[in-house]
Amino acid sequence: MKSLKLSILVSILLVQFSFSQEIEETEQSNIQTYTPSKLLEKGKWDIKWFNNLYTQTKEDRNGETFEVPRSTFFTTSVEVFTGASNNKKFNVGLIVEYRSNSFADKSAGSVFSFQNETGEARSGLGHIAPSVKIAPFNSLPRFSIQSSFFIPVFDKESDENGFLAQKSFIWQNRFFYDYTFPGNKFQLFSEIGTRLFLGNKDEGFANNSIELAPGVFLSYFPTSKFTVLGFIQHAQLVDLGNEFEQNYSALGAGSKYQLTKTLNVEVLYSKFVRGSDSGLGQSFNLGLRAIF
């Protein structure tokens, strides 16, 4: 009798373990579910702290590549979005950017001093951007549009310390779409971004121009909480009256990990493999994202 009871108990435990494993394997994490294409439910919050460091020692000028003293541009931003409709069709948010740049062959890490030095370093608040996000089509639930209007909150694009950021009002629109392949192991994400730079052309090098920036990302999920990805991006600045154009292409890779049910982390690296009248550097990115 004791042997029978023990066998029944072991069988129950095995069934419960198998069932819990099945739930864990089929349950999606935030990094799978809440791609940039996915909107939030009403009352839900999405807070992202993202850091981008771009550094270069080469640049293209009129089709020729030149060695240049190292310059580094660091942007740290906070994005806050919340669901604003019961049908998950409309989100509202705010983006705040802070910049720190260094020049004159200073080390890439010098930007973390957040200093202002004549000809060598400049830092300060860059833009703030009220934003909205919509999912316009019921038939395409994984397609969305994010529209943001960036307002400069500094005086001059360049001063005695150096360049800070584009002295432009920027209307940015980002078109997102993603597709998860059967089995939930692979996910394809695509984006087409546009930025319209508005302002006096004498105050900003990019004013009176529009940037088109497509990108494609392919992610592989060994588990629901971890992904590795590769991507390709391109940006094309088109002249609308300021007599300046540029373009560049970048390749990159990265990963994301779901630290807790709420918090995830991502790291990305990209190399600017070609360009026209642009820098030919590399960028390092670190982001933390909380959804609750």
Protein backbone atom coordinates (compact mmCIF):
# COMPACT_ATOMS: atom_id res chain seq x y z
CA MET A 1 0.00 0.00 0.00
CA LYS A 2 2.81 2.40 0.88
CA SER A 3 4.46 1.61 -2.45
CA LEU A 4 1.21 2.38 -4.30
CA LYS A 5 0.77 5.70 -2.49
CA LEU A 6 4.36 6.63 -3.27
CA SER A 7 3.87 5.80 -6.95
CA ILE A 8 0.72 7.92 -7.12
CA LEU A 9 2.49 10.86 -5.43
CA VAL A 10 5.45 10.65 -7.83
CA SER A 11 3.07 10.50 -10.81
CA ILE A 12 1.21 13.61 -9.62
CA LEU A 13 4.46 15.51 -9.14
CA LEU A 14 5.69 14.52 -12.60
CA VAL A 15 2.41 15.66 -14.21
CA GLN A 16 2.57 18.98 -12.36
CA PHE A 17 6.22 19.47 -13.35
CA SER A 18 5.51 18.69 -17.02
CA PHE A 19 2.53 21.05 -17.01
CA SER A 20 4.52 23.90 -15.44
CA GLN A 21 7.33 23.34 -17.95
CA GLU A 22 4.85 23.50 -20.83
CA ILE A 23 3.43 26.80 -19.54
CA GLU A 24 6.94 28.23 -19.11
CA GLU A 25 7.94 27.23 -22.65
CA THR A 26 4.79 28.66 -24.29
CA GLU A 27 4.62 31.85 -22.18
CA GLN A 28 6.09 34.85 -23.97
CA SER A 29 8.29 37.41 -22.21
CA ASN A 30 8.12 41.18 -22.71
CA ILE A 31 11.03 41.11 -25.17
CA GLN A 32 8.95 38.81 -27.38
CA THR A 33 5.57 40.47 -26.89
CA TYR A 34 6.29 44.19 -26.58
CA THR A 35 8.30 44.91 -29.70
CA PRO A 36 8.27 48.54 -30.92
CA SER A 37 5.30 47.53 -33.11
CA LYS A 38 3.15 46.57 -30.13
CA LEU A 39 1.05 49.18 -28.33
CA LEU A 40 0.30 49.20 -24.62
CA GLU A 41 -2.99 48.41 -22.95
CA LYS A 42 -4.74 51.33 -21.22
CA GLY A 43 -3.09 52.05 -17.87
CA LYS A 44 0.11 50.20 -18.73
CA TRP A 45 3.47 52.06 -18.67
CA ASP A 46 6.64 51.63 -20.72
CA ILE A 47 9.79 53.41 -19.47
CA LYS A 48 13.03 53.06 -21.43
CA TRP A 49 16.47 54.43 -20.60
CA PHE A 50 18.67 54.18 -23.70
CA ASN A 51 22.33 55.13 -24.12
CA ASN A 52 24.15 55.53 -27.43
CA LEU A 53 27.89 56.19 -27.79
CA TYR A 54 29.18 56.90 -31.30
CA THR A 55 32.92 57.38 -31.85
CA GLN A 56 34.90 57.94 -35.05
CA THR A 57 38.45 58.37 -36.34
CA LYS A 58 37.50 58.27 -40.05
CA GLU A 59 35.08 60.14 -42.24
CA ASP A 60 34.07 60.40 -45.87
CA ARG A 61 34.44 63.68 -47.75
CA ASN A 62 33.39 63.83 -51.39
CA GLY A 63 33.92 60.11 -51.83
CA GLU A 64 37.34 59.92 -50.14
CA THR A 65 38.10 58.45 -46.71
CA PHE A 66 40.22 60.52 -44.32
CA GLU A 67 41.76 59.82 -40.93
CA VAL A 68 40.56 62.43 -38.43
CA PRO A 69 41.15 63.14 -34.72
CA ARG A 70 38.78 61.09 -32.59
CA SER A 71 35.43 62.65 -31.83
CA THR A 72 32.76 61.00 -29.69
CA PHE A 73 29.05 61.71 -29.32
CA PHE A 74 27.05 60.33 -26.40
CA THR A 75 23.27 60.54 -26.13
CA THR A 76 21.30 59.33 -23.14
CA SER A 77 17.53 59.42 -23.43
CA VAL A 78 14.46 58.56 -21.39
CA GLU A 79 11.26 57.53 -23.18
CA VAL A 80 7.97 57.24 -21.27
CA PHE A 81 4.80 55.92 -22.91
CA THR A 82 1.41 54.88 -21.55
CA GLY A 83 -1.69 53.26 -23.02
CA ALA A 84 -4.47 55.78 -23.60
CA SER A 85 -7.27 53.72 -25.20
CA ASN A 86 -9.21 50.62 -24.28
CA ASN A 87 -8.59 48.98 -27.67
CA LYS A 88 -4.76 49.32 -27.57
CA LYS A 89 -4.81 51.66 -30.56
CA PHE A 90 -3.37 54.84 -29.05
CA ASN A 91 -0.42 55.58 -26.75
CA VAL A 92 1.01 58.93 -25.61
CA GLY A 93 4.51 59.67 -24.40
CA LEU A 94 7.48 61.97 -23.92
CA ILE A 95 11.15 61.66 -24.91
CA VAL A 96 13.98 63.62 -23.23
CA GLU A 97 17.55 63.62 -24.60
CA TYR A 98 20.81 64.69 -22.95
CA ARG A 99 24.08 64.99 -24.94
CA SER A 100 27.78 64.86 -24.14
CA ASN A 101 30.40 65.20 -26.91
CA SER A 102 34.19 65.31 -27.01
CA PHE A 103 36.65 66.35 -29.73
CA ALA A 104 40.36 66.97 -30.40
CA ASP A 105 41.33 63.28 -30.16
CA LYS A 106 40.13 62.86 -26.59
CA SER A 107 39.36 59.30 -25.52
CA ALA A 108 35.89 57.88 -26.15
CA GLY A 109 35.33 57.58 -22.40
CA SER A 110 35.86 61.32 -21.89
CA VAL A 111 32.19 61.99 -22.71
CA PHE A 112 31.23 60.52 -19.33
CA SER A 113 32.84 63.51 -17.63
CA PHE A 114 29.94 65.64 -18.98
CA GLN A 115 32.20 68.70 -19.23
CA ASN A 116 32.27 71.93 -21.24
CA GLU A 117 35.78 72.80 -22.44
CA THR A 118 36.78 75.18 -25.22
CA GLY A 119 37.32 73.19 -28.40
CA GLU A 120 37.34 69.86 -26.55
CA ALA A 121 34.00 68.98 -24.95
CA ARG A 122 30.39 70.07 -24.76
CA SER A 123 27.40 68.70 -22.87
CA GLY A 124 23.83 69.73 -22.17
CA LEU A 125 20.15 69.01 -22.64
CA GLY A 126 19.34 68.45 -26.32
CA HIS A 127 15.67 67.96 -27.23
CA ILE A 128 12.36 67.09 -25.63
CA ALA A 129 9.71 65.42 -27.74
CA PRO A 130 5.99 64.92 -27.04
CA SER A 131 4.99 61.74 -28.87
CA VAL A 132 2.02 59.62 -29.89
CA LYS A 133 1.84 56.05 -31.13
CA ILE A 134 -1.03 54.53 -33.10
CA ALA A 135 -2.02 51.16 -34.56
CA PRO A 136 -4.22 52.29 -37.47
CA PHE A 137 -5.30 48.97 -39.03
CA ASN A 138 -7.28 46.18 -37.37
CA SER A 139 -6.08 43.79 -40.07
CA LEU A 140 -2.41 44.57 -39.23
CA PRO A 141 -2.13 44.43 -35.43
CA ARG A 142 1.68 44.29 -35.61
CA PHE A 143 1.96 47.51 -37.63
CA SER A 144 2.20 50.84 -35.81
CA ILE A 145 3.34 54.43 -36.27
CA GLN A 146 5.19 56.55 -33.74
CA SER A 147 5.16 60.31 -34.31
CA SER A 148 7.33 62.67 -32.24
CA PHE A 149 8.06 66.39 -32.41
CA PHE A 150 11.54 67.20 -31.09
CA ILE A 151 12.00 70.68 -29.62
CA PRO A 152 15.58 71.99 -29.15
CA VAL A 153 16.24 73.38 -25.68
CA PHE A 154 19.70 74.88 -26.25
CA ASP A 155 20.94 78.10 -27.88
CA LYS A 156 23.48 77.19 -30.57
CA GLU A 157 24.25 74.08 -32.58
CA SER A 158 27.99 74.85 -32.24
CA ASP A 159 29.78 77.25 -29.90
CA GLU A 160 33.35 77.76 -28.66
CA ASN A 161 33.21 74.32 -27.01
CA GLY A 162 32.02 72.49 -30.12
CA PHE A 163 28.94 70.81 -31.58
CA LEU A 164 26.05 69.68 -29.34
CA ALA A 165 23.11 68.62 -31.55
CA GLN A 166 21.11 69.71 -34.58
CA LYS A 167 19.56 73.11 -33.92
CA SER A 168 16.29 71.98 -35.49
CA PHE A 169 12.69 71.35 -34.76
CA ILE A 170 12.45 67.73 -35.88
CA TRP A 171 9.25 65.97 -36.89
CA GLN A 172 10.01 62.27 -36.66
CA ASN A 173 7.77 59.44 -37.87
CA ARG A 174 8.69 55.78 -37.39
CA PHE A 175 6.76 52.99 -39.12
CA PHE A 176 7.09 49.62 -37.34
CA TYR A 177 6.18 46.08 -38.37
CA ASP A 178 7.22 42.71 -37.00
CA TYR A 179 6.50 39.07 -37.74
CA THR A 180 7.07 36.08 -35.47
CA PHE A 181 7.75 32.82 -37.30
CA PRO A 182 5.94 29.62 -36.23
CA GLY A 183 7.60 28.14 -33.17
CA ASN A 184 8.40 31.55 -31.61
CA LYS A 185 12.14 31.08 -32.18
CA PHE A 186 12.65 33.69 -34.92
CA GLN A 187 11.25 37.19 -35.20
CA LEU A 188 11.66 39.67 -38.05
CA PHE A 189 11.32 43.36 -37.25
CA SER A 190 11.40 46.19 -39.78
CA GLU A 191 11.34 49.96 -39.46
CA ILE A 192 11.21 52.92 -41.80
CA GLY A 193 11.99 56.20 -40.08
CA THR A 194 11.62 59.74 -41.39
CA ARG A 195 12.92 62.96 -39.84
CA LEU A 196 11.98 66.37 -41.20
CA PHE A 197 14.44 69.05 -40.02
CA LEU A 198 12.82 72.48 -39.70
CA GLY A 199 14.48 75.81 -39.01
CA ASN A 200 16.76 78.50 -40.36
CA LYS A 201 19.44 76.88 -42.56
CA ASP A 202 22.04 79.28 -41.12
CA GLU A 203 21.42 77.87 -37.62
CA GLY A 204 21.63 74.15 -38.40
CA PHE A 205 23.51 72.07 -40.97
CA ALA A 206 20.55 69.69 -41.45
CA ASN A 207 17.75 72.27 -41.54
CA ASN A 208 15.45 72.20 -44.56
CA SER A 209 16.14 68.53 -45.25
CA ILE A 210 14.48 65.17 -44.69
CA GLU A 211 16.08 61.92 -43.58
CA LEU A 212 14.84 58.49 -44.67
CA ALA A 213 16.10 55.61 -42.53
CA PRO A 214 15.04 51.98 -43.15
CA GLY A 215 16.24 49.11 -40.99
CA VAL A 216 15.73 45.34 -40.72
CA PHE A 217 16.36 43.24 -37.58
CA LEU A 218 16.32 39.43 -37.28
CA SER A 219 16.10 37.95 -33.77
CA TYR A 220 16.63 34.39 -32.58
CA PHE A 221 15.24 33.27 -29.20
CA PRO A 222 17.10 30.33 -27.62
CA THR A 223 14.63 30.84 -24.74
CA SER A 224 11.67 33.17 -24.25
CA LYS A 225 13.81 35.39 -21.98
CA PHE A 226 16.89 35.74 -24.19
CA THR A 227 17.48 36.77 -27.78
CA VAL A 228 20.39 37.46 -30.09
CA LEU A 229 19.90 39.62 -33.16
CA GLY A 230 21.56 41.03 -36.25
CA PHE A 231 20.55 44.11 -38.20
CA ILE A 232 21.26 46.38 -41.13
CA GLN A 233 20.38 50.10 -41.23
CA HIS A 234 20.67 52.89 -43.75
CA ALA A 235 20.07 56.65 -43.54
CA GLN A 236 19.70 59.10 -46.43
CA LEU A 237 19.56 62.84 -45.84
CA VAL A 238 17.80 64.54 -48.76
CA ASP A 239 18.28 68.26 -49.50
CA LEU A 240 15.16 70.43 -49.39
CA GLY A 241 16.96 73.73 -49.84
CA ASN A 242 20.05 73.79 -47.61
CA GLU A 243 22.46 72.41 -50.26
CA PHE A 244 23.69 69.57 -48.05
CA GLU A 245 23.15 65.81 -48.40
CA GLN A 246 24.69 62.75 -46.78
CA ASN A 247 24.05 59.04 -46.34
CA TYR A 248 25.52 56.06 -44.50
CA SER A 249 24.93 52.34 -43.91
CA ALA A 250 25.59 50.29 -40.79
CA LEU A 251 25.69 46.62 -39.80
CA GLY A 252 25.24 45.47 -36.24
CA ALA A 253 24.43 42.78 -33.70
CA GLY A 254 23.18 42.60 -30.15
CA SER A 255 21.14 40.78 -27.54
CA LYS A 256 18.30 41.28 -25.08
CA TYR A 257 17.59 39.56 -21.78
CA GLN A 258 14.50 39.57 -19.58
CA LEU A 259 15.92 40.24 -16.10
CA THR A 260 12.58 40.16 -14.28
CA LYS A 261 8.94 40.03 -15.34
CA THR A 262 9.05 43.85 -15.58
CA LEU A 263 12.64 44.75 -16.49
CA ASN A 264 14.78 43.81 -19.50
CA VAL A 265 18.22 44.88 -20.74
CA GLU A 266 19.64 45.19 -24.26
CA VAL A 267 23.12 45.72 -25.71
CA LEU A 268 23.82 46.62 -29.33
CA TYR A 269 26.90 47.26 -31.46
CA SER A 270 26.99 48.71 -34.97
CA LYS A 271 29.72 49.52 -37.49
CA PHE A 272 29.26 52.23 -40.12
CA VAL A 273 30.53 50.31 -43.13
CA ARG A 274 30.09 53.03 -45.73
CA GLY A 275 29.00 56.64 -46.07
CA SER A 276 28.98 59.76 -48.16
CA ASP A 277 29.92 63.04 -46.43
CA SER A 278 29.50 61.32 -43.08
CA GLY A 279 31.47 59.72 -40.30
CA LEU A 280 32.69 56.12 -40.56
CA GLY A 281 32.71 55.15 -36.92
CA GLN A 282 31.03 52.67 -34.63
CA SER A 283 28.37 52.83 -31.97
CA PHE A 284 27.81 51.08 -28.64
CA ASN A 285 24.36 50.96 -27.07
CA LEU A 286 22.94 49.96 -23.71
CA GLY A 287 19.28 50.11 -22.77
CA LEU A 288 17.05 49.27 -19.80
CA ARG A 289 13.30 48.94 -20.28
CA ALA A 290 10.55 48.50 -17.70
CA ILE A 291 6.94 47.63 -18.62
CA PHE A 292 4.33 47.55 -15.88
